[in-house]
Amino acid sequence: MKVKIKNRGNGWVSGKCGDYTYEAKVYDDESKFGINGGRVSKMTMYDKNDNWVMNYDRGWDIEPDEDVVDCYANIIEVLENYKNVKW
């Protein structure tokens, strides 16, 4: 599934994957606060009705369920390899 990404500045990005939109804070380096020790320290995914379906803010508030896990995995892969973070 294709992941669209828009750089919003200060490490914040937003985009879309399938029927879901997301916002995330991406750092240049991996962190113990990131998802799986990675570069994404904050991320929220929304469904088409703007309901939260996943939220991570230096820890899990809402873990992705089986309905969103494919988009979530694709987004994380793209963000972990994203080289255009502008501070």
C-alpha atoms as a PDB file:
ATOM      1  CA  MET A   1       0.000   0.000   0.000  1.00  0.00           C
ATOM      2  CA  LYS A   2       1.425   3.377  -1.002  1.00  0.00           C
ATOM      3  CA  VAL A   3       2.259   5.887   1.730  1.00  0.00           C
ATOM      4  CA  LYS A   4       1.917   9.597   0.950  1.00  0.00           C
ATOM      5  CA  ILE A   5       4.007  11.976   3.032  1.00  0.00           C
ATOM      6  CA  LYS A   6       4.129  15.741   3.503  1.00  0.00           C
ATOM      7  CA  ASN A   7       6.864  17.502   5.447  1.00  0.00           C
ATOM      8  CA  ARG A   8       5.352  20.099   7.785  1.00  0.00           C
ATOM      9  CA  GLY A   9       8.634  21.291   9.355  1.00  0.00           C
ATOM     10  CA  ASN A  10      10.300  20.817  12.750  1.00  0.00           C
ATOM     11  CA  GLY A  11      10.312  17.054  12.223  1.00  0.00           C
ATOM     12  CA  TRP A  12       6.533  16.837  11.797  1.00  0.00           C
ATOM     13  CA  VAL A  13       5.092  14.986   8.822  1.00  0.00           C
ATOM     14  CA  SER A  14       1.581  14.020   7.802  1.00  0.00           C
ATOM     15  CA  GLY A  15       0.118  11.889   5.089  1.00  0.00           C
ATOM     16  CA  LYS A  16      -2.164   9.109   3.995  1.00  0.00           C
ATOM     17  CA  CYS A  17      -2.090   5.344   3.555  1.00  0.00           C
ATOM     18  CA  GLY A  18      -5.201   3.671   2.191  1.00  0.00           C
ATOM     19  CA  ASP A  19      -8.239   4.965   4.093  1.00  0.00           C
ATOM     20  CA  TYR A  20      -6.100   6.271   6.969  1.00  0.00           C
ATOM     21  CA  THR A  21      -4.380   9.585   7.600  1.00  0.00           C
ATOM     22  CA  TYR A  22      -1.505  10.094  10.020  1.00  0.00           C
ATOM     23  CA  GLU A  23       0.665  12.674  11.744  1.00  0.00           C
ATOM     24  CA  ALA A  24       4.098  11.877  13.131  1.00  0.00           C
ATOM     25  CA  LYS A  25       7.177  13.410  14.736  1.00  0.00           C
ATOM     26  CA  VAL A  26      10.313  11.990  13.110  1.00  0.00           C
ATOM     27  CA  TYR A  27      13.830  12.578  14.423  1.00  0.00           C
ATOM     28  CA  ASP A  28      17.152  12.297  12.606  1.00  0.00           C
ATOM     29  CA  ASP A  29      18.367   9.557  14.959  1.00  0.00           C
ATOM     30  CA  GLU A  30      16.886   6.545  16.677  1.00  0.00           C
ATOM     31  CA  SER A  31      15.732   6.975  20.274  1.00  0.00           C
ATOM     32  CA  LYS A  32      14.706   4.852  23.227  1.00  0.00           C
ATOM     33  CA  PHE A  33      11.463   6.885  23.107  1.00  0.00           C
ATOM     34  CA  GLY A  34      10.766   5.973  19.468  1.00  0.00           C
ATOM     35  CA  ILE A  35       8.492   3.220  18.238  1.00  0.00           C
ATOM     36  CA  ASN A  36      10.587   0.032  18.490  1.00  0.00           C
ATOM     37  CA  GLY A  37      13.584   2.221  19.410  1.00  0.00           C
ATOM     38  CA  GLY A  38      13.345   4.014  16.071  1.00  0.00           C
ATOM     39  CA  ARG A  39      13.079   7.592  14.824  1.00  0.00           C
ATOM     40  CA  VAL A  40       9.294   8.050  15.217  1.00  0.00           C
ATOM     41  CA  SER A  41       8.577   9.338  18.738  1.00  0.00           C
ATOM     42  CA  LYS A  42       4.971  10.432  18.170  1.00  0.00           C
ATOM     43  CA  MET A  43       2.387   9.162  15.718  1.00  0.00           C
ATOM     44  CA  THR A  44      -1.387   9.192  15.415  1.00  0.00           C
ATOM     45  CA  MET A  45      -3.478   7.453  12.774  1.00  0.00           C
ATOM     46  CA  TYR A  46      -7.083   8.412  11.990  1.00  0.00           C
ATOM     47  CA  ASP A  47      -9.796   6.617  10.067  1.00  0.00           C
ATOM     48  CA  LYS A  48     -11.954   8.345   7.441  1.00  0.00           C
ATOM     49  CA  ASN A  49     -14.275   9.586  10.225  1.00  0.00           C
ATOM     50  CA  ASP A  50     -11.328  11.209  12.074  1.00  0.00           C
ATOM     51  CA  ASN A  51     -11.424   8.610  14.862  1.00  0.00           C
ATOM     52  CA  TRP A  52      -8.068   7.686  16.378  1.00  0.00           C
ATOM     53  CA  VAL A  53      -7.134   4.130  15.442  1.00  0.00           C
ATOM     54  CA  MET A  54      -3.545   4.231  16.722  1.00  0.00           C
ATOM     55  CA  ASN A  55      -1.600   6.609  18.966  1.00  0.00           C
ATOM     56  CA  TYR A  56       1.990   6.578  20.209  1.00  0.00           C
ATOM     57  CA  ASP A  57       3.452   9.423  22.263  1.00  0.00           C
ATOM     58  CA  ARG A  58       6.756   8.105  23.624  1.00  0.00           C
ATOM     59  CA  GLY A  59       4.689   5.069  24.580  1.00  0.00           C
ATOM     60  CA  TRP A  60       1.519   3.306  23.432  1.00  0.00           C
ATOM     61  CA  ASP A  61      -1.833   4.946  24.111  1.00  0.00           C
ATOM     62  CA  ILE A  62      -3.703   3.030  21.382  1.00  0.00           C
ATOM     63  CA  GLU A  63      -1.904   0.118  19.710  1.00  0.00           C
ATOM     64  CA  PRO A  64      -2.749  -0.667  16.075  1.00  0.00           C
ATOM     65  CA  ASP A  65      -5.259  -3.486  15.720  1.00  0.00           C
ATOM     66  CA  GLU A  66      -5.540  -5.983  12.877  1.00  0.00           C
ATOM     67  CA  ASP A  67      -7.634  -3.566  10.788  1.00  0.00           C
ATOM     68  CA  VAL A  68      -4.860  -0.957  10.568  1.00  0.00           C
ATOM     69  CA  VAL A  69      -1.683  -2.965  11.085  1.00  0.00           C
ATOM     70  CA  ASP A  70      -0.781  -3.168   7.370  1.00  0.00           C
ATOM     71  CA  CYS A  71      -0.992   0.603   6.847  1.00  0.00           C
ATOM     72  CA  TYR A  72       0.763   1.187  10.177  1.00  0.00           C
ATOM     73  CA  ALA A  73       3.662  -1.098   9.168  1.00  0.00           C
ATOM     74  CA  ASN A  74       3.984   0.597   5.770  1.00  0.00           C
ATOM     75  CA  ILE A  75       3.983   4.071   7.340  1.00  0.00           C
ATOM     76  CA  ILE A  76       6.637   3.106   9.909  1.00  0.00           C
ATOM     77  CA  GLU A  77       8.852   1.637   7.187  1.00  0.00           C
ATOM     78  CA  VAL A  78       8.611   4.831   5.116  1.00  0.00           C
ATOM     79  CA  LEU A  79       9.199   7.138   8.092  1.00  0.00           C
ATOM     80  CA  GLU A  80      12.171   5.165   9.427  1.00  0.00           C
ATOM     81  CA  ASN A  81      13.828   5.623   6.020  1.00  0.00           C
ATOM     82  CA  TYR A  82      12.660   9.207   5.453  1.00  0.00           C
ATOM     83  CA  LYS A  83      15.639  11.462   4.734  1.00  0.00           C
ATOM     84  CA  ASN A  84      13.905  14.821   4.276  1.00  0.00           C
ATOM     85  CA  VAL A  85      13.235  15.790   7.904  1.00  0.00           C
ATOM     86  CA  LYS A  86      13.567  19.584   8.102  1.00  0.00           C
ATOM     87  CA  TRP A  87      14.217  21.236  11.408  1.00  0.00           C
END
